[in-house]
PDB file of all heavy atoms in Angstrom:
ATOM      1  N   TYR A   1       0.791  -1.208  -0.039  1.00  0.00           N
ATOM      2  CA  TYR A   1       0.011   0.007  -0.025  1.00  0.00           C
ATOM      3  C   TYR A   1       0.865   1.294   0.044  1.00  0.00           C
ATOM      4  O   TYR A   1       0.664   2.149  -0.803  1.00  0.00           O
ATOM      5  CB  TYR A   1      -0.939  -0.040   1.215  1.00  0.00           C
ATOM      6  CG  TYR A   1      -1.991   1.044   1.230  1.00  0.00           C
ATOM      7  CD1 TYR A   1      -3.260   0.706   0.560  1.00  0.00           C
ATOM      8  CD2 TYR A   1      -1.882   2.241   1.747  1.00  0.00           C
ATOM      9  CE1 TYR A   1      -4.226   1.659   0.516  1.00  0.00           C
ATOM     10  CE2 TYR A   1      -2.897   3.228   1.737  1.00  0.00           C
ATOM     11  CZ  TYR A   1      -4.082   2.904   1.132  1.00  0.00           C
ATOM     12  OH  TYR A   1      -5.128   3.850   1.102  1.00  0.00           O
ATOM     13  N   GLU A   2       1.790   1.299   0.902  1.00  0.00           N
ATOM     14  CA  GLU A   2       2.580   2.545   1.032  1.00  0.00           C
ATOM     15  C   GLU A   2       3.435   2.765  -0.190  1.00  0.00           C
ATOM     16  O   GLU A   2       3.550   3.919  -0.716  1.00  0.00           O
ATOM     17  CB  GLU A   2       3.429   2.529   2.252  1.00  0.00           C
ATOM     18  CG  GLU A   2       4.312   3.784   2.532  1.00  0.00           C
ATOM     19  CD  GLU A   2       5.129   3.697   3.793  1.00  0.00           C
ATOM     20  OE1 GLU A   2       4.955   2.771   4.564  1.00  0.00           O
ATOM     21  OE2 GLU A   2       5.922   4.653   4.041  1.00  0.00           O
ATOM     22  N   ARG A   3       4.138   1.726  -0.699  1.00  0.00           N
ATOM     23  CA  ARG A   3       5.015   1.867  -1.779  1.00  0.00           C
ATOM     24  C   ARG A   3       4.187   2.329  -3.040  1.00  0.00           C
ATOM     25  O   ARG A   3       4.568   3.302  -3.742  1.00  0.00           O
ATOM     26  CB  ARG A   3       5.762   0.548  -2.184  1.00  0.00           C
ATOM     27  CG  ARG A   3       6.552   0.626  -3.426  1.00  0.00           C
ATOM     28  CD  ARG A   3       7.481  -0.545  -3.540  1.00  0.00           C
ATOM     29  NE  ARG A   3       8.082  -0.670  -4.945  1.00  0.00           N
ATOM     30  CZ  ARG A   3       9.045   0.028  -5.327  1.00  0.00           C
ATOM     31  NH1 ARG A   3       9.566   1.002  -4.659  1.00  0.00           N
ATOM     32  NH2 ARG A   3       9.510  -0.203  -6.656  1.00  0.00           N
ATOM     33  N   ALA A   4       3.121   1.594  -3.364  1.00  0.00           N
ATOM     34  CA  ALA A   4       2.339   1.990  -4.575  1.00  0.00           C
ATOM     35  C   ALA A   4       1.774   3.393  -4.432  1.00  0.00           C
ATOM     36  O   ALA A   4       1.762   4.172  -5.420  1.00  0.00           O
ATOM     37  CB  ALA A   4       1.243   1.034  -4.759  1.00  0.00           C
ATOM     38  N   SER A   5       1.280   3.743  -3.243  1.00  0.00           N
ATOM     39  CA  SER A   5       0.756   5.087  -3.018  1.00  0.00           C
ATOM     40  C   SER A   5       1.806   6.163  -3.203  1.00  0.00           C
ATOM     41  O   SER A   5       1.605   7.197  -3.803  1.00  0.00           O
ATOM     42  CB  SER A   5       0.201   5.185  -1.643  1.00  0.00           C
ATOM     43  OG  SER A   5      -0.942   4.273  -1.481  1.00  0.00           O
ATOM     44  N   ASN A   6       3.084   5.914  -2.707  1.00  0.00           N
ATOM     45  CA  ASN A   6       4.151   6.824  -2.851  1.00  0.00           C
ATOM     46  C   ASN A   6       4.493   7.084  -4.322  1.00  0.00           C
ATOM     47  O   ASN A   6       4.658   8.146  -4.785  1.00  0.00           O
ATOM     48  CB  ASN A   6       5.429   6.310  -2.168  1.00  0.00           C
ATOM     49  CG  ASN A   6       5.292   6.509  -0.619  1.00  0.00           C
ATOM     50  OD1 ASN A   6       4.445   7.235  -0.160  1.00  0.00           O
ATOM     51  ND2 ASN A   6       6.183   5.865   0.075  1.00  0.00           N
ATOM     52  N   ILE A   7       4.605   5.972  -5.096  1.00  0.00           N
ATOM     53  CA  ILE A   7       4.945   6.113  -6.540  1.00  0.00           C
ATOM     54  C   ILE A   7       3.799   6.761  -7.263  1.00  0.00           C
ATOM     55  O   ILE A   7       4.030   7.517  -8.241  1.00  0.00           O
ATOM     56  CB  ILE A   7       5.338   4.709  -7.074  1.00  0.00           C
ATOM     57  CG1 ILE A   7       6.588   4.228  -6.412  1.00  0.00           C
ATOM     58  CG2 ILE A   7       5.592   4.860  -8.588  1.00  0.00           C
ATOM     59  CD1 ILE A   7       7.009   2.868  -6.794  1.00  0.00           C
ATOM     60  N   GLN A   8       2.525   6.526  -6.908  1.00  0.00           N
ATOM     61  CA  GLN A   8       1.440   7.292  -7.466  1.00  0.00           C
ATOM     62  C   GLN A   8       1.650   8.777  -7.328  1.00  0.00           C
ATOM     63  O   GLN A   8       1.491   9.561  -8.229  1.00  0.00           O
ATOM     64  CB  GLN A   8       0.138   6.928  -6.677  1.00  0.00           C
ATOM     65  CG  GLN A   8      -0.704   5.855  -7.341  1.00  0.00           C
ATOM     66  CD  GLN A   8      -2.042   5.701  -6.682  1.00  0.00           C
ATOM     67  OE1 GLN A   8      -2.095   5.624  -5.399  1.00  0.00           O
ATOM     68  NE2 GLN A   8      -3.066   5.687  -7.370  1.00  0.00           N
ATOM     69  N   GLU A   9       2.049   9.135  -6.048  1.00  0.00           N
ATOM     70  CA  GLU A   9       2.241  10.614  -5.816  1.00  0.00           C
ATOM     71  C   GLU A   9       3.440  11.153  -6.522  1.00  0.00           C
ATOM     72  O   GLU A   9       3.398  12.222  -7.061  1.00  0.00           O
ATOM     73  CB  GLU A   9       2.430  10.803  -4.310  1.00  0.00           C
ATOM     74  CG  GLU A   9       2.467  12.313  -3.844  1.00  0.00           C
ATOM     75  CD  GLU A   9       1.210  13.091  -4.261  1.00  0.00           C
ATOM     76  OE1 GLU A   9       0.149  12.438  -4.376  1.00  0.00           O
ATOM     77  OE2 GLU A   9       1.321  14.285  -4.422  1.00  0.00           O
ATOM     78  N   TYR A  10       4.544  10.319  -6.680  1.00  0.00           N
ATOM     79  CA  TYR A  10       5.654  10.718  -7.456  1.00  0.00           C
ATOM     80  C   TYR A  10       5.210  11.079  -8.936  1.00  0.00           C
ATOM     81  O   TYR A  10       5.674  12.014  -9.543  1.00  0.00           O
ATOM     82  CB  TYR A  10       6.759   9.704  -7.442  1.00  0.00           C
ATOM     83  CG  TYR A  10       7.363   9.322  -6.111  1.00  0.00           C
ATOM     84  CD1 TYR A  10       8.024   8.132  -5.944  1.00  0.00           C
ATOM     85  CD2 TYR A  10       7.169  10.170  -5.031  1.00  0.00           C
ATOM     86  CE1 TYR A  10       8.533   7.766  -4.710  1.00  0.00           C
ATOM     87  CE2 TYR A  10       7.676   9.804  -3.852  1.00  0.00           C
ATOM     88  CZ  TYR A  10       8.381   8.636  -3.646  1.00  0.00           C
ATOM     89  OH  TYR A  10       8.891   8.314  -2.468  1.00  0.00           O
ATOM     90  N   SER A  11       4.377  10.157  -9.396  1.00  0.00           N
ATOM     91  CA  SER A  11       3.844  10.294 -10.791  1.00  0.00           C
ATOM     92  C   SER A  11       3.114  11.664 -10.942  1.00  0.00           C
ATOM     93  O   SER A  11       3.248  12.309 -11.943  1.00  0.00           O
ATOM     94  CB  SER A  11       3.021   9.206 -11.243  1.00  0.00           C
ATOM     95  OG  SER A  11       3.815   7.977 -11.256  1.00  0.00           O
ATOM     96  N   ARG A  12       2.314  11.944  -9.934  1.00  0.00           N
ATOM     97  CA  ARG A  12       1.530  13.203  -9.968  1.00  0.00           C
ATOM     98  C   ARG A  12       2.465  14.422  -9.996  1.00  0.00           C
ATOM     99  O   ARG A  12       2.292  15.331 -10.727  1.00  0.00           O
ATOM    100  CB  ARG A  12       0.634  13.221  -8.770  1.00  0.00           C
ATOM    101  CG  ARG A  12      -0.513  12.175  -8.809  1.00  0.00           C
ATOM    102  CD  ARG A  12      -1.423  12.250  -7.613  1.00  0.00           C
ATOM    103  NE  ARG A  12      -2.407  11.214  -7.607  1.00  0.00           N
ATOM    104  CZ  ARG A  12      -2.497  10.301  -6.612  1.00  0.00           C
ATOM    105  NH1 ARG A  12      -1.694  10.396  -5.625  1.00  0.00           N
ATOM    106  NH2 ARG A  12      -3.440   9.367  -6.734  1.00  0.00           N
ATOM    107  N   ILE A  13       3.462  14.348  -9.111  1.00  0.00           N
ATOM    108  CA  ILE A  13       4.414  15.448  -9.069  1.00  0.00           C
ATOM    109  C   ILE A  13       5.212  15.600 -10.364  1.00  0.00           C
ATOM    110  O   ILE A  13       5.351  16.694 -10.901  1.00  0.00           O
ATOM    111  CB  ILE A  13       5.442  15.206  -7.923  1.00  0.00           C
ATOM    112  CG1 ILE A  13       4.634  15.343  -6.510  1.00  0.00           C
ATOM    113  CG2 ILE A  13       6.484  16.283  -7.904  1.00  0.00           C
ATOM    114  CD1 ILE A  13       5.519  14.892  -5.336  1.00  0.00           C
ATOM    115  N   ALA A  14       5.654  14.460 -10.870  1.00  0.00           N
ATOM    116  CA  ALA A  14       6.375  14.501 -12.160  1.00  0.00           C
ATOM    117  C   ALA A  14       5.523  14.970 -13.292  1.00  0.00           C
ATOM    118  O   ALA A  14       6.047  15.519 -14.319  1.00  0.00           O
ATOM    119  CB  ALA A  14       6.957  13.095 -12.467  1.00  0.00           C
ATOM    120  N   GLY A  15       4.236  14.903 -13.221  1.00  0.00           N
ATOM    121  CA  GLY A  15       3.328  15.308 -14.265  1.00  0.00           C
ATOM    122  C   GLY A  15       2.885  16.701 -14.206  1.00  0.00           C
ATOM    123  O   GLY A  15       2.100  17.178 -15.077  1.00  0.00           O
ATOM    124  N   LYS A  16       3.219  17.415 -13.100  1.00  0.00           N
ATOM    125  CA  LYS A  16       2.784  18.797 -12.988  1.00  0.00           C
ATOM    126  C   LYS A  16       3.434  19.692 -14.049  1.00  0.00           C
ATOM    127  O   LYS A  16       4.520  19.468 -14.519  1.00  0.00           O
ATOM    128  CB  LYS A  16       3.103  19.338 -11.611  1.00  0.00           C
ATOM    129  CG  LYS A  16       2.317  18.740 -10.448  1.00  0.00           C
ATOM    130  CD  LYS A  16       2.630  19.324  -9.139  1.00  0.00           C
ATOM    131  CE  LYS A  16       1.708  18.809  -8.011  1.00  0.00           C
ATOM    132  NZ  LYS A  16       0.324  19.188  -8.246  1.00  0.00           N
ATOM    133  N   ASP A  17       2.714  20.740 -14.328  1.00  0.00           N
ATOM    134  CA  ASP A  17       3.255  21.721 -15.290  1.00  0.00           C
ATOM    135  C   ASP A  17       4.533  22.378 -14.770  1.00  0.00           C
ATOM    136  O   ASP A  17       4.633  22.500 -13.541  1.00  0.00           O
ATOM    137  CB  ASP A  17       2.232  22.786 -15.635  1.00  0.00           C
ATOM    138  CG  ASP A  17       1.045  22.246 -16.330  1.00  0.00           C
ATOM    139  OD1 ASP A  17       1.132  21.139 -16.935  1.00  0.00           O
ATOM    140  OD2 ASP A  17      -0.048  22.927 -16.317  1.00  0.00           O
ATOM    141  N   MET A  18       5.395  22.700 -15.589  1.00  0.00           N
ATOM    142  CA  MET A  18       6.647  23.340 -15.164  1.00  0.00           C
ATOM    143  C   MET A  18       6.349  24.640 -14.432  1.00  0.00           C
ATOM    144  O   MET A  18       5.592  25.460 -14.912  1.00  0.00           O
ATOM    145  CB  MET A  18       7.586  23.648 -16.360  1.00  0.00           C
ATOM    146  CG  MET A  18       8.102  22.285 -16.942  1.00  0.00           C
ATOM    147  SD  MET A  18       9.222  22.678 -18.373  1.00  0.00           S
ATOM    148  CE  MET A  18      10.630  23.416 -17.527  1.00  0.00           C
ATOM    149  N   GLY A  19       6.891  24.811 -13.283  1.00  0.00           N
ATOM    150  CA  GLY A  19       6.687  25.952 -12.412  1.00  0.00           C
ATOM    151  C   GLY A  19       5.524  25.731 -11.446  1.00  0.00           C
ATOM    152  O   GLY A  19       5.385  26.564 -10.576  1.00  0.00           O
ATOM    153  N   ASP A  20       4.848  24.642 -11.552  1.00  0.00           N
ATOM    154  CA  ASP A  20       3.761  24.415 -10.605  1.00  0.00           C
ATOM    155  C   ASP A  20       4.212  23.365  -9.574  1.00  0.00           C
ATOM    156  O   ASP A  20       4.624  22.240  -9.940  1.00  0.00           O
ATOM    157  CB  ASP A  20       2.494  23.762 -11.306  1.00  0.00           C
ATOM    158  CG  ASP A  20       1.860  24.888 -12.178  1.00  0.00           C
ATOM    159  OD1 ASP A  20       2.217  26.047 -12.022  1.00  0.00           O
ATOM    160  OD2 ASP A  20       0.988  24.477 -12.969  1.00  0.00           O
ATOM    161  N   GLY A  21       4.114  23.658  -8.275  1.00  0.00           N
ATOM    162  CA  GLY A  21       4.447  22.723  -7.263  1.00  0.00           C
ATOM    163  C   GLY A  21       5.934  22.475  -7.106  1.00  0.00           C
ATOM    164  O   GLY A  21       6.697  23.139  -7.789  1.00  0.00           O
ATOM    165  N   PRO A  22       6.298  21.551  -6.149  1.00  0.00           N
ATOM    166  CA  PRO A  22       7.769  21.369  -5.853  1.00  0.00           C
ATOM    167  C   PRO A  22       8.470  20.675  -7.034  1.00  0.00           C
ATOM    168  O   PRO A  22       7.799  19.914  -7.819  1.00  0.00           O
ATOM    169  CB  PRO A  22       7.695  20.432  -4.665  1.00  0.00           C
ATOM    170  CG  PRO A  22       6.370  19.718  -4.784  1.00  0.00           C
ATOM    171  CD  PRO A  22       5.429  20.718  -5.375  1.00  0.00           C
ATOM    172  N   LEU A  23       9.699  20.944  -7.169  1.00  0.00           N
ATOM    173  CA  LEU A  23      10.533  20.242  -8.163  1.00  0.00           C
ATOM    174  C   LEU A  23      10.709  18.786  -7.744  1.00  0.00           C
ATOM    175  O   LEU A  23      10.825  18.447  -6.568  1.00  0.00           O
ATOM    176  CB  LEU A  23      11.922  20.911  -8.285  1.00  0.00           C
ATOM    177  CG  LEU A  23      11.962  22.288  -8.833  1.00  0.00           C
ATOM    178  CD1 LEU A  23      13.288  22.883  -8.797  1.00  0.00           C
ATOM    179  CD2 LEU A  23      11.374  22.367 -10.293  1.00  0.00           C
ATOM    180  N   LEU A  24      10.690  17.917  -8.754  1.00  0.00           N
ATOM    181  CA  LEU A  24      10.878  16.510  -8.523  1.00  0.00           C
ATOM    182  C   LEU A  24      12.343  16.158  -8.347  1.00  0.00           C
ATOM    183  O   LEU A  24      13.183  16.470  -9.240  1.00  0.00           O
ATOM    184  CB  LEU A  24      10.243  15.713  -9.587  1.00  0.00           C
ATOM    185  CG  LEU A  24      10.295  14.139  -9.575  1.00  0.00           C
ATOM    186  CD1 LEU A  24       9.348  13.703  -8.488  1.00  0.00           C
ATOM    187  CD2 LEU A  24       9.928  13.514 -10.935  1.00  0.00           C
TER     188      LEU A  24
END
């Protein structure tokens, strides 16, 4: 659960528009 959820969130961060949110 934790690992899959973490990588889900990494994917969301990596998919953000440039300049939006924290840098990956």
